[in-house]
Amino acid sequence: PLEVIQTRDVVVLHQDYGGEARIIPLTDKHKAINFRHPLGDSIARWDGDTLVIETINPHFADRVRFGPVIVLSPRSKVIEKFTRLSEKELLYEYTIEDPALYTAPWLAEYSFYRTNDRMYEFACHEGNYSLPNIMKGQRVAEERAGGKP
């Protein structure tokens, strides 16, 4: 899930996985080059109906992960685009430029779909998936001990 909030000055992107809320200023100027943040320095702008976010200078040791599986170096640039295709579908595209790790820029895309479901912090779901097995294991232990479930 992705929650998008926009004010006059910033766009906030919040996902349940990881718990970070990215607060991205609507501006055309990046911070000073010595600005260091694990997620990098992001700025946002509108290109017609598309929200464009440019992120540079990620800093976490010598490599940082963008999303769950993409490794970036501090020399990387990530361009993200959000375009509403319909009332229910939001197209998400991103381009990775990182000459330290990749021989050419590359693009990925997928869609987010509107839902009325609530968003919960990711760790809360772990117990929901394992609870039936925990209960079943306890019933087996009770039976082996001669008790009744």
Foldseek 3Di string as FASTA:
>chain_A
DWDWDDDPFWIWIAAQEPGDIDTAGADDDWDPLPDEDQQATWHWYDDDQKIKIKGAQHDDPQWHDDPDDRIAGNGKIKIWIWHDPDPFKIKIKMWIDHVVPDVGIDMDIDIHTDDPDDHHRPVVCVCVVCVVVVVVVVQVVCVVVVHHD
